[in-house]
Structure formats: C-alpha cells, structure tokens
Amino acid sequence: MLDLHVDEWTQSEYLANKRALELQGVSVVLVDTILNPIQGAEAITYNPPLVREYPEGSVFVFYCDSGKGTHSRLKEFRSKFPHHICISLRGGRGYWRRNLSV
C-alpha cells in the first residue's frame, strides 16, 4: 500500500504512484499552480471550484517552478481540500524530465 501521507513525490514516484492508484480507481491529478504547463504532462490549472469536483480521496500533485512554493503551501491546499490528498511535486516544473517513464 502506498503511503499517501507524504509531502512530496519525485517525478518517478508521481508516475509510478499514478499508475498504481488509477488501477485501484483513485484519480491522481497533476495541478499547475503557475499557469505554465509541463510539456508532455497532462495537468489541470489550479482552480479551487474545479478541483473540489474531483471524487473524495483523489490525489492532487501540485507543482510550481521549483517545488518550493507548492511545498510551502501544502497546509493551505490541505485545508481547502480536506477530503482529498495533497502532495507537492519535488523540484517542480524545473526538474521534470519529458522522456522519463516508469
């Protein structure tokens, strides 16, 4: 069983955990907080009303340029979305490797 009580996932962890959780029927969503999409990654733009529409228990992986901003805002995200799991993408957009796969 995956530990979903962590603050950060690396890109590799995100890709592996997304696959494993979606096989169990859990939505895992990459959330762009900087209006700067990651090329080749499927993400939604941060919009609280839209994010709240996802099923309870969904996992949101927030990213910014470096990962520091979203990591520091995890408490805020978790209070806004108490029925969801909120995690920060370690290294953010800057460390995303387009050709990395698991």
N, C-alpha and C. Protein backbone atom coordinates (compact mmCIF):
# COMPACT_ATOMS: atom_id res chain seq x y z
N MET A 1 0.85 -1.19 0.00
CA MET A 1 0.00 0.00 0.00
C MET A 1 0.88 1.24 0.00
N LEU A 2 0.52 2.21 -0.78
CA LEU A 2 1.29 3.45 -0.88
C LEU A 2 1.06 4.33 0.34
N ASP A 3 2.11 5.02 0.76
CA ASP A 3 1.98 5.99 1.84
C ASP A 3 1.57 7.32 1.22
N LEU A 4 0.34 7.72 1.45
CA LEU A 4 -0.17 8.96 0.89
C LEU A 4 -0.08 10.12 1.87
N HIS A 5 0.60 9.90 2.99
CA HIS A 5 0.75 10.95 3.99
C HIS A 5 2.14 11.58 3.91
N VAL A 6 2.64 11.71 2.71
CA VAL A 6 3.94 12.35 2.48
C VAL A 6 3.68 13.75 1.93
N ASP A 7 4.71 14.58 1.98
CA ASP A 7 4.57 15.95 1.47
C ASP A 7 4.96 16.08 0.01
N GLU A 8 5.88 15.23 -0.44
CA GLU A 8 6.40 15.38 -1.81
C GLU A 8 6.52 14.04 -2.51
N TRP A 9 6.38 14.10 -3.83
CA TRP A 9 6.71 12.99 -4.71
C TRP A 9 7.69 13.51 -5.75
N THR A 10 8.67 12.69 -6.10
CA THR A 10 9.51 12.99 -7.26
C THR A 10 8.70 12.68 -8.51
N GLN A 11 9.22 13.04 -9.66
CA GLN A 11 8.52 12.71 -10.90
C GLN A 11 8.36 11.20 -11.04
N SER A 12 9.40 10.44 -10.71
CA SER A 12 9.31 8.98 -10.81
C SER A 12 8.24 8.43 -9.89
N GLU A 13 8.18 8.95 -8.65
CA GLU A 13 7.15 8.50 -7.72
C GLU A 13 5.77 8.88 -8.22
N TYR A 14 5.64 10.09 -8.75
CA TYR A 14 4.36 10.52 -9.30
C TYR A 14 3.90 9.56 -10.39
N LEU A 15 4.76 9.27 -11.35
CA LEU A 15 4.37 8.42 -12.48
C LEU A 15 4.02 7.01 -12.01
N ALA A 16 4.83 6.43 -11.12
CA ALA A 16 4.57 5.07 -10.63
C ALA A 16 3.31 5.03 -9.77
N ASN A 17 3.18 6.00 -8.86
CA ASN A 17 2.02 6.02 -7.97
C ASN A 17 0.73 6.32 -8.72
N LYS A 18 0.81 7.18 -9.72
CA LYS A 18 -0.36 7.49 -10.54
C LYS A 18 -0.88 6.21 -11.19
N ARG A 19 0.03 5.46 -11.77
CA ARG A 19 -0.37 4.21 -12.44
C ARG A 19 -1.00 3.24 -11.43
N ALA A 20 -0.34 3.05 -10.29
CA ALA A 20 -0.84 2.10 -9.29
C ALA A 20 -2.18 2.53 -8.71
N LEU A 21 -2.31 3.81 -8.39
CA LEU A 21 -3.56 4.29 -7.80
C LEU A 21 -4.72 4.28 -8.79
N GLU A 22 -4.44 4.63 -10.03
CA GLU A 22 -5.52 4.63 -11.02
C GLU A 22 -6.02 3.22 -11.31
N LEU A 23 -5.16 2.22 -11.16
CA LEU A 23 -5.60 0.82 -11.29
C LEU A 23 -6.57 0.46 -10.16
N GLN A 24 -6.48 1.19 -9.05
CA GLN A 24 -7.38 0.98 -7.91
C GLN A 24 -8.60 1.90 -7.97
N GLY A 25 -8.70 2.70 -9.04
CA GLY A 25 -9.84 3.58 -9.21
C GLY A 25 -9.69 4.94 -8.55
N VAL A 26 -8.48 5.30 -8.13
CA VAL A 26 -8.23 6.59 -7.48
C VAL A 26 -7.71 7.58 -8.53
N SER A 27 -8.33 8.76 -8.59
CA SER A 27 -7.87 9.80 -9.51
C SER A 27 -6.61 10.45 -8.96
N VAL A 28 -5.60 10.60 -9.83
CA VAL A 28 -4.36 11.29 -9.48
C VAL A 28 -4.20 12.40 -10.50
N VAL A 29 -4.18 13.65 -10.01
CA VAL A 29 -4.24 14.81 -10.89
C VAL A 29 -3.04 15.71 -10.64
N LEU A 30 -2.32 16.03 -11.71
CA LEU A 30 -1.23 16.99 -11.65
C LEU A 30 -1.85 18.38 -11.78
N VAL A 31 -1.51 19.28 -10.83
CA VAL A 31 -2.16 20.59 -10.77
C VAL A 31 -1.11 21.70 -10.97
N ASP A 32 -1.30 22.47 -12.03
CA ASP A 32 -0.42 23.58 -12.39
C ASP A 32 -0.83 24.82 -11.62
N THR A 33 0.05 25.31 -10.73
CA THR A 33 -0.27 26.49 -9.93
C THR A 33 0.37 27.77 -10.49
N ILE A 34 1.09 27.66 -11.61
CA ILE A 34 1.84 28.80 -12.13
C ILE A 34 1.45 29.21 -13.55
N LEU A 35 0.41 28.58 -14.08
CA LEU A 35 -0.04 28.85 -15.45
C LEU A 35 1.08 28.65 -16.46
N ASN A 36 1.85 27.59 -16.25
CA ASN A 36 2.96 27.26 -17.13
C ASN A 36 3.00 25.74 -17.27
N PRO A 37 2.30 25.20 -18.27
CA PRO A 37 2.18 23.74 -18.40
C PRO A 37 3.52 23.04 -18.62
N ILE A 38 3.57 21.81 -18.17
CA ILE A 38 4.72 20.96 -18.41
C ILE A 38 4.48 20.25 -19.73
N GLN A 39 5.40 20.42 -20.67
CA GLN A 39 5.26 19.80 -21.98
C GLN A 39 5.21 18.28 -21.84
N GLY A 40 4.18 17.69 -22.40
CA GLY A 40 4.03 16.25 -22.40
C GLY A 40 3.36 15.67 -21.16
N ALA A 41 2.98 16.52 -20.21
CA ALA A 41 2.31 16.05 -19.00
C ALA A 41 0.87 16.54 -19.01
N GLU A 42 -0.03 15.67 -18.60
CA GLU A 42 -1.44 16.05 -18.52
C GLU A 42 -1.68 16.68 -17.16
N ALA A 43 -2.10 17.93 -17.14
CA ALA A 43 -2.32 18.65 -15.88
C ALA A 43 -3.54 19.56 -16.02
N ILE A 44 -4.08 19.95 -14.87
CA ILE A 44 -5.14 20.95 -14.86
C ILE A 44 -4.57 22.22 -14.25
N THR A 45 -5.17 23.35 -14.59
CA THR A 45 -4.79 24.62 -13.99
C THR A 45 -5.46 24.73 -12.62
N TYR A 46 -4.73 25.23 -11.65
CA TYR A 46 -5.26 25.38 -10.29
C TYR A 46 -6.49 26.28 -10.31
N ASN A 47 -7.61 25.71 -9.92
CA ASN A 47 -8.89 26.40 -9.87
C ASN A 47 -9.70 25.69 -8.78
N PRO A 48 -9.74 26.25 -7.55
CA PRO A 48 -10.37 25.55 -6.44
C PRO A 48 -11.76 24.98 -6.71
N PRO A 49 -12.70 25.72 -7.34
CA PRO A 49 -14.01 25.11 -7.59
C PRO A 49 -13.92 23.87 -8.48
N LEU A 50 -13.06 23.89 -9.48
CA LEU A 50 -12.88 22.72 -10.35
C LEU A 50 -12.24 21.57 -9.59
N VAL A 51 -11.23 21.87 -8.79
CA VAL A 51 -10.53 20.83 -8.04
C VAL A 51 -11.49 20.14 -7.07
N ARG A 52 -12.37 20.88 -6.45
CA ARG A 52 -13.33 20.29 -5.49
C ARG A 52 -14.30 19.32 -6.16
N GLU A 53 -14.45 19.38 -7.46
CA GLU A 53 -15.37 18.49 -8.17
C GLU A 53 -14.85 17.07 -8.30
N TYR A 54 -13.55 16.88 -8.08
CA TYR A 54 -13.00 15.52 -8.17
C TYR A 54 -13.52 14.68 -7.01
N PRO A 55 -13.64 13.36 -7.23
CA PRO A 55 -14.17 12.49 -6.17
C PRO A 55 -13.34 12.56 -4.89
N GLU A 56 -14.02 12.40 -3.77
CA GLU A 56 -13.35 12.35 -2.48
C GLU A 56 -12.26 11.28 -2.51
N GLY A 57 -11.10 11.60 -1.96
CA GLY A 57 -9.99 10.66 -1.95
C GLY A 57 -9.05 10.81 -3.13
N SER A 58 -9.40 11.70 -4.07
CA SER A 58 -8.50 11.95 -5.20
C SER A 58 -7.18 12.51 -4.68
N VAL A 59 -6.12 12.29 -5.46
CA VAL A 59 -4.79 12.77 -5.09
C VAL A 59 -4.43 13.91 -6.03
N PHE A 60 -4.09 15.06 -5.44
CA PHE A 60 -3.66 16.23 -6.21
C PHE A 60 -2.17 16.42 -5.99
N VAL A 61 -1.43 16.49 -7.09
CA VAL A 61 0.01 16.73 -7.03
C VAL A 61 0.24 18.11 -7.62
N PHE A 62 0.51 19.06 -6.74
CA PHE A 62 0.66 20.46 -7.12
C PHE A 62 2.10 20.73 -7.55
N TYR A 63 2.24 21.56 -8.60
CA TYR A 63 3.60 21.94 -8.99
C TYR A 63 3.69 23.43 -9.27
N CYS A 64 4.91 23.94 -9.08
CA CYS A 64 5.27 25.30 -9.44
C CYS A 64 6.61 25.19 -10.18
N ASP A 65 7.37 26.24 -10.27
CA ASP A 65 8.65 26.16 -10.99
C ASP A 65 9.69 25.31 -10.29
N SER A 66 9.81 25.46 -8.97
CA SER A 66 10.88 24.77 -8.24
C SER A 66 10.39 23.72 -7.25
N GLY A 67 9.11 23.70 -6.97
CA GLY A 67 8.56 22.80 -5.97
C GLY A 67 8.53 23.41 -4.58
N LYS A 68 9.27 24.49 -4.36
CA LYS A 68 9.33 25.11 -3.04
C LYS A 68 8.03 25.83 -2.69
N GLY A 69 7.45 26.52 -3.66
CA GLY A 69 6.22 27.26 -3.41
C GLY A 69 5.06 26.35 -3.06
N THR A 70 4.90 25.28 -3.83
CA THR A 70 3.78 24.37 -3.54
C THR A 70 4.03 23.60 -2.26
N HIS A 71 5.28 23.28 -1.98
CA HIS A 71 5.59 22.59 -0.73
C HIS A 71 5.23 23.48 0.46
N SER A 72 5.56 24.76 0.37
CA SER A 72 5.26 25.68 1.48
C SER A 72 3.76 25.96 1.61
N ARG A 73 2.99 25.71 0.57
CA ARG A 73 1.55 25.96 0.60
C ARG A 73 0.72 24.70 0.86
N LEU A 74 1.36 23.58 1.16
CA LEU A 74 0.62 22.34 1.38
C LEU A 74 -0.43 22.48 2.48
N LYS A 75 -0.11 23.16 3.56
CA LYS A 75 -1.09 23.33 4.64
C LYS A 75 -2.33 24.04 4.12
N GLU A 76 -2.12 25.07 3.30
CA GLU A 76 -3.24 25.80 2.69
C GLU A 76 -4.06 24.89 1.78
N PHE A 77 -3.38 24.13 0.90
CA PHE A 77 -4.09 23.23 -0.01
C PHE A 77 -4.88 22.18 0.78
N ARG A 78 -4.25 21.63 1.80
CA ARG A 78 -4.92 20.60 2.59
C ARG A 78 -6.14 21.13 3.34
N SER A 79 -6.07 22.40 3.76
CA SER A 79 -7.25 22.97 4.44
C SER A 79 -8.37 23.28 3.43
N LYS A 80 -8.01 23.64 2.20
CA LYS A 80 -9.02 23.92 1.17
C LYS A 80 -9.67 22.64 0.64
N PHE A 81 -8.90 21.56 0.64
CA PHE A 81 -9.39 20.30 0.07
C PHE A 81 -9.24 19.17 1.11
N PRO A 82 -9.99 19.24 2.21
CA PRO A 82 -9.81 18.28 3.29
C PRO A 82 -10.20 16.83 2.95
N HIS A 83 -10.96 16.65 1.90
CA HIS A 83 -11.39 15.30 1.52
C HIS A 83 -10.55 14.72 0.39
N HIS A 84 -9.44 15.37 0.11
CA HIS A 84 -8.53 14.94 -0.94
C HIS A 84 -7.12 14.85 -0.37
N ILE A 85 -6.24 14.24 -1.10
CA ILE A 85 -4.85 14.12 -0.69
C ILE A 85 -4.04 15.12 -1.51
N CYS A 86 -3.25 15.95 -0.83
CA CYS A 86 -2.47 16.99 -1.49
C CYS A 86 -0.98 16.73 -1.28
N ILE A 87 -0.25 16.72 -2.38
CA ILE A 87 1.18 16.44 -2.38
C ILE A 87 1.85 17.45 -3.31
N SER A 88 3.09 17.78 -3.02
CA SER A 88 3.87 18.70 -3.87
C SER A 88 4.81 17.88 -4.76
N LEU A 89 5.01 18.35 -5.98
CA LEU A 89 5.95 17.70 -6.89
C LEU A 89 7.35 18.22 -6.58
N ARG A 90 8.21 17.35 -6.09
CA ARG A 90 9.58 17.74 -5.73
C ARG A 90 10.33 18.25 -6.97
N GLY A 91 10.91 19.42 -6.82
CA GLY A 91 11.67 20.02 -7.92
C GLY A 91 10.80 20.76 -8.92
N GLY A 92 9.50 20.58 -8.81
CA GLY A 92 8.56 21.30 -9.67
C GLY A 92 8.80 21.10 -11.16
N ARG A 93 8.37 22.08 -11.89
CA ARG A 93 8.48 22.06 -13.35
C ARG A 93 9.94 22.00 -13.80
N GLY A 94 10.82 22.62 -13.04
CA GLY A 94 12.23 22.69 -13.40
C GLY A 94 12.93 21.34 -13.45
N TYR A 95 12.46 20.37 -12.68
CA TYR A 95 13.10 19.06 -12.66
C TYR A 95 12.35 18.01 -13.47
N TRP A 96 11.29 18.40 -14.13
CA TRP A 96 10.50 17.45 -14.92
C TRP A 96 11.32 17.01 -16.13
N ARG A 97 11.41 15.72 -16.33
CA ARG A 97 12.12 15.17 -17.50
C ARG A 97 11.09 14.60 -18.46
N ARG A 98 11.01 15.21 -19.62
CA ARG A 98 9.97 14.87 -20.59
C ARG A 98 9.97 13.40 -20.99
N ASN A 99 11.13 12.80 -21.07
CA ASN A 99 11.22 11.41 -21.56
C ASN A 99 11.27 10.37 -20.46
N LEU A 100 11.14 10.78 -19.20
CA LEU A 100 11.18 9.83 -18.09
C LEU A 100 9.91 9.01 -18.08
N SER A 101 10.07 7.72 -17.91
CA SER A 101 8.91 6.85 -17.78
C SER A 101 9.23 5.77 -16.74
N VAL A 102 8.21 5.10 -16.29
CA VAL A 102 8.41 4.03 -15.29
C VAL A 102 7.94 2.71 -15.85
